[in-house]
Protein backbone atom coordinates (compact mmCIF):
# COMPACT_ATOMS: atom_id res chain seq x y z
CA UNK A 1 15.27 2.25 23.67
CA UNK A 2 17.42 1.24 26.73
CA UNK A 3 15.94 0.55 30.07
CA UNK A 4 17.06 3.42 31.67
CA UNK A 5 15.89 5.74 28.79
CA UNK A 6 13.58 8.28 29.66
CA UNK A 7 10.09 7.25 28.09
CA UNK A 8 8.83 10.00 25.87
CA UNK A 9 5.47 9.65 23.77
CA UNK A 10 5.97 8.79 20.15
CA UNK A 11 3.65 10.93 18.13
CA UNK A 12 5.20 10.29 14.64
CA UNK A 13 5.14 7.20 12.45
CA UNK A 14 7.56 6.01 9.74
CA UNK A 15 6.39 3.31 7.44
CA UNK A 16 8.77 1.11 5.17
CA UNK A 17 8.50 -1.48 2.90
CA UNK A 18 11.08 -4.49 3.19
CA UNK A 19 11.50 -7.82 1.99
CA UNK A 20 10.42 -10.97 4.28
CA UNK A 21 13.81 -12.02 4.66
CA UNK A 22 14.97 -8.42 5.70
CA UNK A 23 12.14 -8.63 8.19
CA UNK A 24 13.38 -12.00 9.75
CA UNK A 25 16.98 -10.57 9.85
CA UNK A 26 15.73 -7.55 11.80
CA UNK A 27 13.40 -9.52 13.99
CA UNK A 28 16.37 -12.36 15.13
CA UNK A 29 18.48 -9.65 15.68
CA UNK A 30 15.96 -7.73 18.16
CA UNK A 31 15.35 -10.81 20.00
CA UNK A 32 18.74 -11.18 20.71
CA UNK A 33 19.05 -7.92 22.33
CA UNK A 34 15.89 -8.41 23.89
CA UNK A 35 14.06 -5.65 22.00
CA UNK A 36 10.60 -5.44 20.15
CA UNK A 37 11.11 -4.87 16.53
CA UNK A 38 10.63 -1.12 16.46
CA UNK A 39 12.74 -0.67 19.50
CA UNK A 40 15.58 -2.38 17.74
CA UNK A 41 14.96 -0.67 14.44
CA UNK A 42 14.68 2.70 16.12
CA UNK A 43 17.78 2.39 18.08
CA UNK A 44 19.73 0.96 15.31
CA UNK A 45 18.80 3.98 12.88
CA UNK A 46 19.32 6.48 15.27
CA UNK A 47 22.78 5.29 16.09
CA UNK A 48 23.63 5.44 12.77
CA UNK A 49 22.10 8.90 12.09
CA UNK A 50 24.28 9.96 15.00
CA UNK A 51 27.50 8.69 13.55
CA UNK A 52 26.69 10.25 10.36
CA UNK A 53 25.80 13.61 11.93
CA UNK A 54 28.81 13.42 13.94
CA UNK A 55 31.43 12.94 11.13
CA UNK A 56 29.68 16.58 9.31
CA UNK A 57 30.36 18.35 12.47
CA UNK A 58 33.31 21.11 12.56
CA UNK A 59 34.73 23.37 14.90
CA UNK A 60 35.12 26.73 13.36
CA UNK A 61 37.87 29.34 14.55
CA UNK A 62 38.73 32.83 13.47
CA UNK A 63 42.07 33.86 12.96
CA UNK A 64 43.13 34.78 16.44
CA UNK A 65 41.49 31.56 17.78
CA UNK A 66 43.39 29.21 15.00
CA UNK A 67 46.62 30.98 16.44
CA UNK A 68 46.28 30.14 20.09
CA UNK A 69 45.12 26.32 18.54
CA UNK A 70 48.40 25.98 16.73
CA UNK A 71 50.33 27.59 19.31
CA UNK A 72 48.87 25.00 22.03
CA UNK A 73 49.81 22.09 19.18
CA UNK A 74 53.29 23.30 18.76
CA UNK A 75 54.10 23.72 22.50
CA UNK A 76 56.35 21.07 23.88
CA UNK A 77 54.37 18.51 26.27
CA UNK A 78 54.26 19.12 29.95
CA UNK A 79 56.19 16.90 32.33
CA UNK A 80 53.95 14.83 34.81
CA UNK A 81 55.75 13.23 37.08
CA UNK A 82 53.34 10.49 37.95
CA UNK A 83 52.87 9.79 34.28
CA UNK A 84 56.30 9.54 33.86
CA UNK A 85 56.69 7.21 36.90
CA UNK A 86 53.63 5.39 35.52
CA UNK A 87 55.57 4.63 31.99
CA UNK A 88 58.71 3.40 33.92
CA UNK A 89 56.93 0.91 35.87
CA UNK A 90 56.40 -3.07 34.68
CA UNK A 91 53.14 -3.42 33.25
CA UNK A 92 50.77 -6.30 33.97
CA UNK A 93 51.15 -7.35 30.77
CA UNK A 94 55.36 -7.86 31.18
């Protein structure tokens, strides 16, 4: 949990068995991030879970929405004068 995260009462418990070396690794990583072991494991697990769930999300379009979407993809790009000027100017990396 980050310092800015809203504090919520935790009422659920999750037990797990692990090797002593796995626990030492988790504790070392938690210390490096200045977190308790619980905070570190929970944050890491939730980050991983969110990434996995995000991969499964999809956008569903009906036939008409699909046509509109394809039309937008096939349309030529709009001209943006400021973008054109920006791309012509030398970069700080040049």
